[in-house]
Amino acid sequence: MVLMCKNAGDWTNRLFNFSRALEASTSEPEEGAGRNVTVIIEGPYGGTGNTMLSSFSSLVLIAGGSGITHALAIAYDLLKRSPTGAVRARRVDLVWMVKIEQEAKPLMATLLELVPDAKSWEDASIEGQRRQANYASPTALRIQIFVTRCPASSPLTLVPDVTVLSSSNVETDSKNSDMTDDMPGANREKVAYLSRNLSTASTMLAMRDKHPQLSGITARPARPNLNIIISKIADETIAHHRRRLIEASGMYVTACGPEGLVYSTMQAVKALEAYKRNAVGGVEFEEERFGF
């Protein structure tokens, strides 16, 4: 069990200092080493209840600040179960909003470890399906981090070796944004070449469409447009199932964070067009609010 606590008051401050002191006293801790601590665990409160998250065709996890713990637990569980074939979703989208970079840094090691794990299973599954082996369909993890109080011109250092690009999710656009978003590894020269050689571009996109690799992590200095994000994910879910001539089994959206974030997410879900809602098999919304 991993407990994540935010240093936000007297009690959590004492817990934080206790943890730091324990860490300093054991530079190379042995397995099972540590100190005995008496704790009282209360809860849980809220949660997904009897909802079977593994049965949905698409999951959108919206988190604000320390609300990432709720989203991360769901994403971790689904990704670990994916190789067994128990997870129906082709992708899990995690959208995390923080005010400043420092709020995200303590968890970046965990996120940067989880995404490669998802990519590794995706690669193995896609390669197995190419060889017509009996592999379960992979579940991709796409993480978008939005730093809301960072100037757009300021470089972010959360994700190593990744260029921060504008996207329609933050209400900006560029001539080649759609193509570069679909092909994250494509540089400008390759995009220009494919634009001039449409047959080559069509062949490449057809291959990617048949065996797409989706997992990844991005960080942007902006505030997300939740309406666009949820609508775009619904479009992708509909297209994915239509290509395979199967019906989607629903879209699950959860929001954990401050009151304003939960309300904005709920409004974005309500704003989703009726035909998209029906095409994805219905949309279920779950909320975890900070406060009472």
C-alpha atoms as a PDB file:
ATOM      1  CA  MET A   1       0.000   0.000   0.000  1.00  0.00           C
ATOM      2  CA  VAL A   2       1.251   3.477  -0.894  1.00  0.00           C
ATOM      3  CA  LEU A   3      -0.111   6.462   1.027  1.00  0.00           C
ATOM      4  CA  MET A   4       0.186   9.919  -0.531  1.00  0.00           C
ATOM      5  CA  CYS A   5      -0.291  12.901   1.770  1.00  0.00           C
ATOM      6  CA  LYS A   6      -0.197  16.594   0.961  1.00  0.00           C
ATOM      7  CA  ASN A   7       1.593  18.846   3.454  1.00  0.00           C
ATOM      8  CA  ALA A   8      -1.322  21.218   4.042  1.00  0.00           C
ATOM      9  CA  GLY A   9      -1.738  21.753   7.787  1.00  0.00           C
ATOM     10  CA  ASP A  10      -0.529  21.029  11.314  1.00  0.00           C
ATOM     11  CA  TRP A  11      -1.203  17.287  11.278  1.00  0.00           C
ATOM     12  CA  THR A  12       0.124  16.635   7.780  1.00  0.00           C
ATOM     13  CA  ASN A  13       3.092  18.904   8.520  1.00  0.00           C
ATOM     14  CA  ARG A  14       4.038  16.728  11.510  1.00  0.00           C
ATOM     15  CA  LEU A  15       3.623  13.619   9.371  1.00  0.00           C
ATOM     16  CA  PHE A  16       5.810  15.166   6.681  1.00  0.00           C
ATOM     17  CA  ASN A  17       8.566  16.051   9.167  1.00  0.00           C
ATOM     18  CA  PHE A  18       8.366  12.556  10.680  1.00  0.00           C
ATOM     19  CA  SER A  19       8.787  11.010   7.238  1.00  0.00           C
ATOM     20  CA  ARG A  20      11.727  13.275   6.389  1.00  0.00           C
ATOM     21  CA  ALA A  21      13.458  12.435   9.675  1.00  0.00           C
ATOM     22  CA  LEU A  22      12.965   8.713   9.056  1.00  0.00           C
ATOM     23  CA  GLU A  23      14.338   9.065   5.531  1.00  0.00           C
ATOM     24  CA  ALA A  24      17.414  10.940   6.782  1.00  0.00           C
ATOM     25  CA  SER A  25      18.168   8.349   9.476  1.00  0.00           C
ATOM     26  CA  THR A  26      18.121   5.420   7.018  1.00  0.00           C
ATOM     27  CA  SER A  27      20.196   6.362   3.984  1.00  0.00           C
ATOM     28  CA  GLU A  28      20.213   2.733   2.780  1.00  0.00           C
ATOM     29  CA  PRO A  29      17.188   1.116   4.408  1.00  0.00           C
ATOM     30  CA  GLU A  30      16.988  -2.667   4.422  1.00  0.00           C
ATOM     31  CA  GLU A  31      13.806  -4.478   3.521  1.00  0.00           C
ATOM     32  CA  GLY A  32      11.431  -4.299   6.453  1.00  0.00           C
ATOM     33  CA  ALA A  33      13.447  -1.565   8.185  1.00  0.00           C
ATOM     34  CA  GLY A  34      11.671   1.454   9.626  1.00  0.00           C
ATOM     35  CA  ARG A  35       9.791   2.547  12.719  1.00  0.00           C
ATOM     36  CA  ASN A  36       6.513   1.374  14.165  1.00  0.00           C
ATOM     37  CA  VAL A  37       3.759   3.971  13.989  1.00  0.00           C
ATOM     38  CA  THR A  38       0.262   3.756  15.405  1.00  0.00           C
ATOM     39  CA  VAL A  39      -2.321   5.097  12.969  1.00  0.00           C
ATOM     40  CA  ILE A  40      -6.090   5.330  12.804  1.00  0.00           C
ATOM     41  CA  ILE A  41      -7.570   4.916   9.329  1.00  0.00           C
ATOM     42  CA  GLU A  42     -10.978   6.440   8.698  1.00  0.00           C
ATOM     43  CA  GLY A  43     -13.012   6.007   5.544  1.00  0.00           C
ATOM     44  CA  PRO A  44     -13.051   5.454   2.684  1.00  0.00           C
ATOM     45  CA  TYR A  45     -15.337   8.236   1.560  1.00  0.00           C
ATOM     46  CA  GLY A  46     -16.857   8.386  -1.894  1.00  0.00           C
ATOM     47  CA  GLY A  47     -15.166   6.207  -4.467  1.00  0.00           C
ATOM     48  CA  THR A  48     -16.486   4.331  -7.456  1.00  0.00           C
ATOM     49  CA  GLY A  49     -18.628   1.945  -5.415  1.00  0.00           C
ATOM     50  CA  ASN A  50     -19.871  -1.026  -7.434  1.00  0.00           C
ATOM     51  CA  THR A  51     -19.050   0.565 -10.789  1.00  0.00           C
ATOM     52  CA  MET A  52     -17.008  -1.798 -12.981  1.00  0.00           C
ATOM     53  CA  LEU A  53     -14.502   0.594 -14.516  1.00  0.00           C
ATOM     54  CA  SER A  54     -12.975  -2.173 -16.608  1.00  0.00           C
ATOM     55  CA  SER A  55     -16.228  -2.504 -18.585  1.00  0.00           C
ATOM     56  CA  PHE A  56     -16.133   1.007 -20.098  1.00  0.00           C
ATOM     57  CA  SER A  57     -14.812   1.696 -23.585  1.00  0.00           C
ATOM     58  CA  SER A  58     -13.128   4.931 -22.505  1.00  0.00           C
ATOM     59  CA  LEU A  59     -12.137   6.544 -19.219  1.00  0.00           C
ATOM     60  CA  VAL A  60     -11.370  10.213 -18.587  1.00  0.00           C
ATOM     61  CA  LEU A  61      -9.771  11.015 -15.233  1.00  0.00           C
ATOM     62  CA  ILE A  62      -9.760  14.726 -14.348  1.00  0.00           C
ATOM     63  CA  ALA A  63      -7.697  15.800 -11.324  1.00  0.00           C
ATOM     64  CA  GLY A  64      -6.821  19.059  -9.643  1.00  0.00           C
ATOM     65  CA  GLY A  65      -3.841  19.297  -7.297  1.00  0.00           C
ATOM     66  CA  SER A  66      -3.768  16.453  -4.781  1.00  0.00           C
ATOM     67  CA  GLY A  67      -6.836  14.998  -6.489  1.00  0.00           C
ATOM     68  CA  ILE A  68      -4.295  13.165  -8.645  1.00  0.00           C
ATOM     69  CA  THR A  69      -4.273  10.399  -6.017  1.00  0.00           C
ATOM     70  CA  HIS A  70      -7.813   9.381  -6.982  1.00  0.00           C
ATOM     71  CA  ALA A  71      -7.068   9.367 -10.721  1.00  0.00           C
ATOM     72  CA  LEU A  72      -3.682   7.691 -10.323  1.00  0.00           C
ATOM     73  CA  ALA A  73      -5.120   4.805  -8.308  1.00  0.00           C
ATOM     74  CA  ILE A  74      -7.709   4.113 -11.031  1.00  0.00           C
ATOM     75  CA  ALA A  75      -5.172   4.362 -13.858  1.00  0.00           C
ATOM     76  CA  TYR A  76      -2.668   2.118 -12.070  1.00  0.00           C
ATOM     77  CA  ASP A  77      -5.257  -0.581 -11.383  1.00  0.00           C
ATOM     78  CA  LEU A  78      -6.550  -0.643 -14.974  1.00  0.00           C
ATOM     79  CA  LEU A  79      -3.078  -0.755 -16.516  1.00  0.00           C
ATOM     80  CA  LYS A  80      -1.973  -3.616 -14.283  1.00  0.00           C
ATOM     81  CA  ARG A  81      -5.081  -5.620 -15.206  1.00  0.00           C
ATOM     82  CA  SER A  82      -4.915  -4.852 -18.929  1.00  0.00           C
ATOM     83  CA  PRO A  83      -2.576  -7.747 -19.926  1.00  0.00           C
ATOM     84  CA  THR A  84      -5.128 -10.232 -18.559  1.00  0.00           C
ATOM     85  CA  GLY A  85      -7.736  -9.042 -21.066  1.00  0.00           C
ATOM     86  CA  ALA A  86     -10.057  -7.859 -18.286  1.00  0.00           C
ATOM     87  CA  VAL A  87     -10.017  -4.184 -19.359  1.00  0.00           C
ATOM     88  CA  ARG A  88     -12.179  -3.133 -22.288  1.00  0.00           C
ATOM     89  CA  ALA A  89     -10.911   0.448 -22.650  1.00  0.00           C
ATOM     90  CA  ARG A  90      -8.408   1.111 -25.437  1.00  0.00           C
ATOM     91  CA  ARG A  91      -7.204   4.235 -23.680  1.00  0.00           C
ATOM     92  CA  VAL A  92      -7.237   5.893 -20.282  1.00  0.00           C
ATOM     93  CA  ASP A  93      -6.902   9.682 -20.371  1.00  0.00           C
ATOM     94  CA  LEU A  94      -5.603  11.424 -17.261  1.00  0.00           C
ATOM     95  CA  VAL A  95      -5.803  15.235 -17.144  1.00  0.00           C
ATOM     96  CA  TRP A  96      -4.025  16.822 -14.180  1.00  0.00           C
ATOM     97  CA  MET A  97      -4.112  20.516 -13.326  1.00  0.00           C
ATOM     98  CA  VAL A  98      -1.596  22.114 -10.966  1.00  0.00           C
ATOM     99  CA  LYS A  99      -0.957  25.766 -10.205  1.00  0.00           C
ATOM    100  CA  ILE A 100       2.842  25.625 -10.405  1.00  0.00           C
ATOM    101  CA  GLU A 101       5.443  23.069 -11.478  1.00  0.00           C
ATOM    102  CA  GLN A 102       6.596  22.422  -7.910  1.00  0.00           C
ATOM    103  CA  GLU A 103       3.216  20.879  -7.074  1.00  0.00           C
ATOM    104  CA  ALA A 104       3.660  18.204  -9.734  1.00  0.00           C
ATOM    105  CA  LYS A 105       7.335  17.348  -9.266  1.00  0.00           C
ATOM    106  CA  PRO A 106       6.974  14.959  -6.275  1.00  0.00           C
ATOM    107  CA  LEU A 107       4.797  12.643  -8.387  1.00  0.00           C
ATOM    108  CA  MET A 108       6.588  12.943 -11.717  1.00  0.00           C
ATOM    109  CA  ALA A 109       8.828   9.941 -11.022  1.00  0.00           C
ATOM    110  CA  THR A 110       5.719   7.792 -10.541  1.00  0.00           C
ATOM    111  CA  LEU A 111       4.036   9.114 -13.691  1.00  0.00           C
ATOM    112  CA  LEU A 112       7.182   8.837 -15.805  1.00  0.00           C
ATOM    113  CA  GLU A 113       7.507   5.221 -14.687  1.00  0.00           C
ATOM    114  CA  LEU A 114       3.873   4.338 -15.337  1.00  0.00           C
ATOM    115  CA  VAL A 115       3.762   5.636 -18.924  1.00  0.00           C
ATOM    116  CA  PRO A 116       6.714   3.514 -20.174  1.00  0.00           C
ATOM    117  CA  ASP A 117       5.091   0.471 -18.545  1.00  0.00           C
ATOM    118  CA  ALA A 118       1.924   1.172 -20.536  1.00  0.00           C
ATOM    119  CA  LYS A 119       3.972   1.712 -23.707  1.00  0.00           C
ATOM    120  CA  SER A 120       5.830  -1.552 -23.173  1.00  0.00           C
ATOM    121  CA  TRP A 121       2.624  -3.563 -22.948  1.00  0.00           C
ATOM    122  CA  GLU A 122       1.186  -1.664 -25.929  1.00  0.00           C
ATOM    123  CA  ASP A 123       4.236  -2.536 -28.023  1.00  0.00           C
ATOM    124  CA  ALA A 124       4.087  -6.204 -27.023  1.00  0.00           C
ATOM    125  CA  SER A 125       0.357  -6.441 -27.700  1.00  0.00           C
ATOM    126  CA  ILE A 126       0.495  -4.609 -31.037  1.00  0.00           C
ATOM    127  CA  GLU A 127       3.429  -6.731 -32.213  1.00  0.00           C
ATOM    128  CA  GLY A 128       1.624  -9.877 -31.103  1.00  0.00           C
ATOM    129  CA  GLN A 129      -1.504  -8.885 -33.008  1.00  0.00           C
ATOM    130  CA  ARG A 130       0.587  -8.194 -36.102  1.00  0.00           C
ATOM    131  CA  ARG A 131       1.862 -11.761 -35.864  1.00  0.00           C
ATOM    132  CA  GLN A 132      -1.736 -12.896 -35.298  1.00  0.00           C
ATOM    133  CA  ALA A 133      -0.862 -14.197 -31.854  1.00  0.00           C
ATOM    134  CA  ASN A 134      -3.478 -14.404 -29.115  1.00  0.00           C
ATOM    135  CA  TYR A 135      -2.767 -11.127 -27.291  1.00  0.00           C
ATOM    136  CA  ALA A 136      -5.252  -9.048 -25.314  1.00  0.00           C
ATOM    137  CA  SER A 137      -5.895  -5.578 -26.704  1.00  0.00           C
ATOM    138  CA  PRO A 138      -3.677  -3.019 -24.958  1.00  0.00           C
ATOM    139  CA  THR A 139      -4.871  -0.174 -22.766  1.00  0.00           C
ATOM    140  CA  ALA A 140      -2.991   3.052 -23.408  1.00  0.00           C
ATOM    141  CA  LEU A 141      -2.301   5.736 -20.814  1.00  0.00           C
ATOM    142  CA  ARG A 142      -2.300   9.342 -22.005  1.00  0.00           C
ATOM    143  CA  ILE A 143      -1.383  11.923 -19.380  1.00  0.00           C
ATOM    144  CA  GLN A 144      -1.815  15.653 -19.913  1.00  0.00           C
ATOM    145  CA  ILE A 145      -0.456  17.997 -17.251  1.00  0.00           C
ATOM    146  CA  PHE A 146      -1.589  21.622 -17.279  1.00  0.00           C
ATOM    147  CA  VAL A 147       0.301  24.206 -15.214  1.00  0.00           C
ATOM    148  CA  THR A 148      -2.323  26.914 -14.860  1.00  0.00           C
ATOM    149  CA  ARG A 149      -0.267  29.724 -13.298  1.00  0.00           C
ATOM    150  CA  CYS A 150       2.737  29.478 -15.580  1.00  0.00           C
ATOM    151  CA  PRO A 151       3.210  32.041 -18.384  1.00  0.00           C
ATOM    152  CA  ALA A 152       2.785  30.521 -21.828  1.00  0.00           C
ATOM    153  CA  SER A 153       6.309  31.645 -22.739  1.00  0.00           C
ATOM    154  CA  SER A 154       7.933  29.861 -19.786  1.00  0.00           C
ATOM    155  CA  PRO A 155       9.575  26.489 -20.536  1.00  0.00           C
ATOM    156  CA  LEU A 156       8.422  23.526 -18.464  1.00  0.00           C
ATOM    157  CA  THR A 157      10.835  20.936 -17.094  1.00  0.00           C
ATOM    158  CA  LEU A 158       8.359  18.334 -15.844  1.00  0.00           C
ATOM    159  CA  VAL A 159       8.672  15.993 -18.824  1.00  0.00           C
ATOM    160  CA  PRO A 160      12.264  15.437 -20.045  1.00  0.00           C
ATOM    161  CA  ASP A 161      13.126  15.608 -23.750  1.00  0.00           C
ATOM    162  CA  VAL A 162       9.637  16.695 -24.795  1.00  0.00           C
ATOM    163  CA  THR A 163       8.870  19.928 -26.581  1.00  0.00           C
ATOM    164  CA  VAL A 164       5.784  21.666 -25.235  1.00  0.00           C
ATOM    165  CA  LEU A 165       3.432  22.363 -28.138  1.00  0.00           C
ATOM    166  CA  SER A 166       0.172  24.235 -28.437  1.00  0.00           C
ATOM    167  CA  SER A 167      -2.972  22.198 -29.024  1.00  0.00           C
ATOM    168  CA  SER A 168      -6.686  22.626 -29.566  1.00  0.00           C
ATOM    169  CA  ASN A 169      -7.208  21.489 -25.980  1.00  0.00           C
ATOM    170  CA  VAL A 170      -6.018  24.918 -24.861  1.00  0.00           C
ATOM    171  CA  GLU A 171      -7.901  26.828 -27.540  1.00  0.00           C
ATOM    172  CA  THR A 172      -4.926  27.436 -29.825  1.00  0.00           C
ATOM    173  CA  ASP A 173      -4.236  26.085 -33.268  1.00  0.00           C
ATOM    174  CA  SER A 174      -1.550  25.854 -35.915  1.00  0.00           C
ATOM    175  CA  LYS A 175      -1.342  24.708 -39.505  1.00  0.00           C
ATOM    176  CA  ASN A 176       0.195  21.312 -38.793  1.00  0.00           C
ATOM    177  CA  SER A 177      -1.043  20.741 -35.249  1.00  0.00           C
ATOM    178  CA  ASP A 178      -3.441  17.906 -36.136  1.00  0.00           C
ATOM    179  CA  MET A 179      -0.818  15.974 -38.062  1.00  0.00           C
ATOM    180  CA  THR A 180       1.935  16.377 -35.482  1.00  0.00           C
ATOM    181  CA  ASP A 181      -0.465  15.428 -32.667  1.00  0.00           C
ATOM    182  CA  ASP A 182      -1.355  12.203 -34.503  1.00  0.00           C
ATOM    183  CA  MET A 183       2.323  11.474 -35.180  1.00  0.00           C
ATOM    184  CA  PRO A 184       4.200  12.642 -32.050  1.00  0.00           C
ATOM    185  CA  GLY A 185       7.553  11.483 -33.393  1.00  0.00           C
ATOM    186  CA  ALA A 186       7.261  13.273 -36.726  1.00  0.00           C
ATOM    187  CA  ASN A 187       9.538  16.249 -37.244  1.00  0.00           C
ATOM    188  CA  ARG A 188       8.782  19.161 -39.535  1.00  0.00           C
ATOM    189  CA  GLU A 189      10.745  17.727 -42.462  1.00  0.00           C
ATOM    190  CA  LYS A 190       8.820  14.461 -42.281  1.00  0.00           C
ATOM    191  CA  VAL A 191       5.485  16.268 -42.064  1.00  0.00           C
ATOM    192  CA  ALA A 192       6.409  18.376 -45.099  1.00  0.00           C
ATOM    193  CA  TYR A 193       7.443  15.255 -47.039  1.00  0.00           C
ATOM    194  CA  LEU A 194       4.198  13.452 -46.223  1.00  0.00           C
ATOM    195  CA  SER A 195       2.210  16.531 -47.224  1.00  0.00           C
ATOM    196  CA  ARG A 196       3.875  16.458 -50.665  1.00  0.00           C
ATOM    197  CA  ASN A 197       3.558  12.663 -51.054  1.00  0.00           C
ATOM    198  CA  LEU A 198      -0.045  11.908 -50.196  1.00  0.00           C
ATOM    199  CA  SER A 199       0.082   8.228 -51.171  1.00  0.00           C
ATOM    200  CA  THR A 200       2.978   7.653 -48.770  1.00  0.00           C
ATOM    201  CA  ALA A 201       1.168   9.629 -46.080  1.00  0.00           C
ATOM    202  CA  SER A 202      -2.016   7.616 -46.603  1.00  0.00           C
ATOM    203  CA  THR A 203      -0.136   4.319 -46.332  1.00  0.00           C
ATOM    204  CA  MET A 204       1.667   5.420 -43.183  1.00  0.00           C
ATOM    205  CA  LEU A 205      -1.504   6.690 -41.532  1.00  0.00           C
ATOM    206  CA  ALA A 206      -3.373   3.496 -42.482  1.00  0.00           C
ATOM    207  CA  MET A 207      -0.700   1.381 -40.791  1.00  0.00           C
ATOM    208  CA  ARG A 208      -0.806   3.583 -37.697  1.00  0.00           C
ATOM    209  CA  ASP A 209      -4.600   3.460 -37.711  1.00  0.00           C
ATOM    210  CA  LYS A 210      -4.546  -0.345 -37.693  1.00  0.00           C
ATOM    211  CA  HIS A 211      -1.923  -0.650 -34.961  1.00  0.00           C
ATOM    212  CA  PRO A 212      -1.742   2.750 -33.181  1.00  0.00           C
ATOM    213  CA  GLN A 213       0.558   3.367 -30.225  1.00  0.00           C
ATOM    214  CA  LEU A 214      -1.116   5.911 -27.968  1.00  0.00           C
ATOM    215  CA  SER A 215       0.561   6.098 -24.549  1.00  0.00           C
ATOM    216  CA  GLY A 216       2.403   9.302 -23.707  1.00  0.00           C
ATOM    217  CA  ILE A 217       2.750  12.245 -21.350  1.00  0.00           C
ATOM    218  CA  THR A 218       2.748  15.978 -22.074  1.00  0.00           C
ATOM    219  CA  ALA A 219       2.967  19.148 -20.003  1.00  0.00           C
ATOM    220  CA  ARG A 220       1.609  22.542 -21.021  1.00  0.00           C
ATOM    221  CA  PRO A 221       1.627  25.998 -19.403  1.00  0.00           C
ATOM    222  CA  ALA A 222      -2.083  26.629 -19.846  1.00  0.00           C
ATOM    223  CA  ARG A 223      -5.574  26.031 -18.523  1.00  0.00           C
ATOM    224  CA  PRO A 224      -7.345  23.141 -20.287  1.00  0.00           C
ATOM    225  CA  ASN A 225     -10.596  23.418 -22.187  1.00  0.00           C
ATOM    226  CA  LEU A 226     -12.484  20.484 -20.705  1.00  0.00           C
ATOM    227  CA  ASN A 227     -15.302  20.746 -23.246  1.00  0.00           C
ATOM    228  CA  ILE A 228     -12.858  20.206 -26.109  1.00  0.00           C
ATOM    229  CA  ILE A 229     -10.952  17.435 -24.322  1.00  0.00           C
ATOM    230  CA  ILE A 230     -14.051  15.394 -23.471  1.00  0.00           C
ATOM    231  CA  SER A 231     -15.599  15.931 -26.912  1.00  0.00           C
ATOM    232  CA  LYS A 232     -12.372  14.900 -28.659  1.00  0.00           C
ATOM    233  CA  ILE A 233     -12.032  11.737 -26.579  1.00  0.00           C
ATOM    234  CA  ALA A 234     -15.655  10.867 -27.373  1.00  0.00           C
ATOM    235  CA  ASP A 235     -14.887  11.292 -31.096  1.00  0.00           C
ATOM    236  CA  GLU A 236     -11.870   8.984 -30.804  1.00  0.00           C
ATOM    237  CA  THR A 237     -13.899   6.372 -28.941  1.00  0.00           C
ATOM    238  CA  ILE A 238     -16.654   6.442 -31.564  1.00  0.00           C
ATOM    239  CA  ALA A 239     -14.169   6.188 -34.451  1.00  0.00           C
ATOM    240  CA  HIS A 240     -12.264   3.327 -32.789  1.00  0.00           C
ATOM    241  CA  HIS A 241     -15.388   1.202 -32.391  1.00  0.00           C
ATOM    242  CA  ARG A 242     -16.810   2.010 -35.806  1.00  0.00           C
ATOM    243  CA  ARG A 243     -13.601   0.819 -37.449  1.00  0.00           C
ATOM    244  CA  ARG A 244     -14.010  -2.489 -35.657  1.00  0.00           C
ATOM    245  CA  LEU A 245     -17.775  -2.712 -36.264  1.00  0.00           C
ATOM    246  CA  ILE A 246     -18.548  -3.086 -32.565  1.00  0.00           C
ATOM    247  CA  GLU A 247     -20.639  -1.016 -30.179  1.00  0.00           C
ATOM    248  CA  ALA A 248     -19.001   1.137 -27.526  1.00  0.00           C
ATOM    249  CA  SER A 249     -19.825   0.243 -23.923  1.00  0.00           C
ATOM    250  CA  GLY A 250     -19.798   3.672 -22.354  1.00  0.00           C
ATOM    251  CA  MET A 251     -17.530   6.518 -21.365  1.00  0.00           C
ATOM    252  CA  TYR A 252     -16.590   7.089 -17.723  1.00  0.00           C
ATOM    253  CA  VAL A 253     -15.615  10.573 -16.558  1.00  0.00           C
ATOM    254  CA  THR A 254     -14.446  11.269 -13.030  1.00  0.00           C
ATOM    255  CA  ALA A 255     -13.307  14.525 -11.436  1.00  0.00           C
ATOM    256  CA  CYS A 256     -11.449  14.896  -8.147  1.00  0.00           C
ATOM    257  CA  GLY A 257     -10.414  18.281  -6.853  1.00  0.00           C
ATOM    258  CA  PRO A 258     -11.757  21.677  -5.814  1.00  0.00           C
ATOM    259  CA  GLU A 259     -15.424  22.582  -6.196  1.00  0.00           C
ATOM    260  CA  GLY A 260     -14.810  24.713  -9.283  1.00  0.00           C
ATOM    261  CA  LEU A 261     -12.990  21.937 -11.133  1.00  0.00           C
ATOM    262  CA  VAL A 262     -15.687  19.371 -10.387  1.00  0.00           C
ATOM    263  CA  TYR A 263     -18.416  21.768 -11.515  1.00  0.00           C
ATOM    264  CA  SER A 264     -16.553  22.642 -14.739  1.00  0.00           C
ATOM    265  CA  THR A 265     -16.100  18.954 -15.542  1.00  0.00           C
ATOM    266  CA  MET A 266     -19.770  18.252 -14.878  1.00  0.00           C
ATOM    267  CA  GLN A 267     -20.761  21.102 -17.211  1.00  0.00           C
ATOM    268  CA  ALA A 268     -18.411  19.775 -19.910  1.00  0.00           C
ATOM    269  CA  VAL A 269     -20.049  16.351 -19.655  1.00  0.00           C
ATOM    270  CA  LYS A 270     -23.501  17.918 -19.895  1.00  0.00           C
ATOM    271  CA  ALA A 271     -22.404  19.917 -22.956  1.00  0.00           C
ATOM    272  CA  LEU A 272     -21.480  16.770 -24.895  1.00  0.00           C
ATOM    273  CA  GLU A 273     -23.781  16.435 -27.900  1.00  0.00           C
ATOM    274  CA  ALA A 274     -26.579  13.884 -27.564  1.00  0.00           C
ATOM    275  CA  TYR A 275     -25.509  11.913 -30.641  1.00  0.00           C
ATOM    276  CA  LYS A 276     -21.986  11.517 -29.257  1.00  0.00           C
ATOM    277  CA  ARG A 277     -23.362  10.492 -25.879  1.00  0.00           C
ATOM    278  CA  ASN A 278     -25.441   7.793 -27.546  1.00  0.00           C
ATOM    279  CA  ALA A 279     -22.649   6.679 -29.890  1.00  0.00           C
ATOM    280  CA  VAL A 280     -20.208   6.031 -27.031  1.00  0.00           C
ATOM    281  CA  GLY A 281     -22.813   3.966 -25.208  1.00  0.00           C
ATOM    282  CA  GLY A 282     -23.672   6.594 -22.612  1.00  0.00           C
ATOM    283  CA  VAL A 283     -21.576   8.751 -20.288  1.00  0.00           C
ATOM    284  CA  GLU A 284     -21.254   8.172 -16.556  1.00  0.00           C
ATOM    285  CA  PHE A 285     -19.928  10.966 -14.326  1.00  0.00           C
ATOM    286  CA  GLU A 286     -18.465  10.505 -10.856  1.00  0.00           C
ATOM    287  CA  GLU A 287     -17.197  13.281  -8.600  1.00  0.00           C
ATOM    288  CA  GLU A 288     -14.935  13.579  -5.583  1.00  0.00           C
ATOM    289  CA  ARG A 289     -15.066  17.092  -4.139  1.00  0.00           C
ATOM    290  CA  PHE A 290     -12.670  18.774  -1.742  1.00  0.00           C
ATOM    291  CA  GLY A 291     -14.711  20.095   1.172  1.00  0.00           C
ATOM    292  CA  PHE A 292     -18.112  19.318   2.634  1.00  0.00           C
END
